[in-house]
C-alpha atoms as a PDB file:
ATOM      1  CA  MET A   1     -16.035  -1.955  -5.730  1.00  0.00           C
ATOM      2  CA  LEU A   2     -13.342   0.058  -3.934  1.00  0.00           C
ATOM      3  CA  GLY A   3     -15.283   3.256  -4.547  1.00  0.00           C
ATOM      4  CA  GLN A   4     -17.834   2.126  -1.996  1.00  0.00           C
ATOM      5  CA  VAL A   5     -15.324   1.915   0.878  1.00  0.00           C
ATOM      6  CA  GLY A   6     -15.902   4.884   3.144  1.00  0.00           C
ATOM      7  CA  ILE A   7     -14.227   6.291   6.211  1.00  0.00           C
ATOM      8  CA  PRO A   8     -15.791   3.716   8.585  1.00  0.00           C
ATOM      9  CA  GLY A   9     -14.567   0.879   6.378  1.00  0.00           C
ATOM     10  CA  ILE A  10     -11.039   2.262   6.320  1.00  0.00           C
ATOM     11  CA  ILE A  11     -11.049   2.666  10.115  1.00  0.00           C
ATOM     12  CA  ILE A  12     -12.217  -0.922  10.584  1.00  0.00           C
ATOM     13  CA  LEU A  13      -9.512  -2.148   8.188  1.00  0.00           C
ATOM     14  CA  LEU A  14      -6.817  -0.229  10.082  1.00  0.00           C
ATOM     15  CA  VAL A  15      -7.994  -1.635  13.422  1.00  0.00           C
ATOM     16  CA  ILE A  16      -7.930  -5.176  12.034  1.00  0.00           C
ATOM     17  CA  CYS A  17      -4.394  -4.634  10.704  1.00  0.00           C
ATOM     18  CA  LEU A  18      -3.301  -3.238  14.048  1.00  0.00           C
ATOM     19  CA  ILE A  19      -4.683  -6.275  15.862  1.00  0.00           C
ATOM     20  CA  ALA A  20      -3.286  -8.778  13.350  1.00  0.00           C
ATOM     21  CA  PHE A  21       0.240  -7.394  12.948  1.00  0.00           C
ATOM     22  CA  GLY A  22       0.806  -5.423  16.136  1.00  0.00           C
ATOM     23  CA  SER A  23       1.884  -1.843  16.547  1.00  0.00           C
ATOM     24  CA  LYS A  24       5.614  -2.608  16.211  1.00  0.00           C
ATOM     25  CA  ASN A  25       5.332  -4.282  12.808  1.00  0.00           C
ATOM     26  CA  LEU A  26       2.986  -1.818  11.068  1.00  0.00           C
ATOM     27  CA  PRO A  27       5.661   0.838  10.305  1.00  0.00           C
ATOM     28  CA  ASN A  28       7.910  -1.809   8.751  1.00  0.00           C
ATOM     29  CA  ILE A  29       5.057  -3.187   6.663  1.00  0.00           C
ATOM     30  CA  GLY A  30       4.094   0.307   5.493  1.00  0.00           C
ATOM     31  CA  ARG A  31       7.700   1.163   4.623  1.00  0.00           C
ATOM     32  CA  SER A  32       8.218  -2.019   2.617  1.00  0.00           C
ATOM     33  CA  LEU A  33       4.899  -1.514   0.815  1.00  0.00           C
ATOM     34  CA  GLY A  34       5.895   2.055  -0.086  1.00  0.00           C
ATOM     35  CA  GLU A  35       9.279   0.927  -1.377  1.00  0.00           C
ATOM     36  CA  SER A  36       7.622  -1.791  -3.465  1.00  0.00           C
ATOM     37  CA  LEU A  37       5.190   0.691  -5.020  1.00  0.00           C
ATOM     38  CA  GLN A  38       8.028   3.112  -5.765  1.00  0.00           C
ATOM     39  CA  GLU A  39      10.045   0.371  -7.491  1.00  0.00           C
ATOM     40  CA  PHE A  40       6.967  -0.678  -9.477  1.00  0.00           C
ATOM     41  CA  LYS A  41       6.460   2.913 -10.675  1.00  0.00           C
ATOM     42  CA  ARG A  42      10.120   3.103 -11.727  1.00  0.00           C
ATOM     43  CA  GLY A  43       9.735  -0.123 -13.688  1.00  0.00           C
ATOM     44  CA  ILE A  44       6.592   1.097 -15.433  1.00  0.00           C
ATOM     45  CA  SER A  45       8.210   4.412 -16.380  1.00  0.00           C
ATOM     46  CA  GLY A  46      11.209   2.490 -17.728  1.00  0.00           C
ATOM     47  CA  LEU A  47       8.907   0.401 -19.908  1.00  0.00           C
ATOM     48  CA  LYS A  48       7.188   3.542 -21.198  1.00  0.00           C
ATOM     49  CA  GLU A  49      10.566   4.966 -22.239  1.00  0.00           C
ATOM     50  CA  VAL A  50      11.455   1.761 -24.079  1.00  0.00           C
ATOM     51  CA  PHE A  51       8.230   1.771 -26.074  1.00  0.00           C
ATOM     52  CA  ASN A  52       8.429   5.503 -26.875  1.00  0.00           C
END
């Protein structure tokens, strides 16, 4: 399903996010999302080490 999202769809999604959250909040949301993904990757790699 996500493979069908093209450039126009991504642009529309970004515009909707900009309208919904405002330009001041978007960097904070992106930063916290990036930190969450990084912590998730660390947790997954830790689990891989435990099982190996």
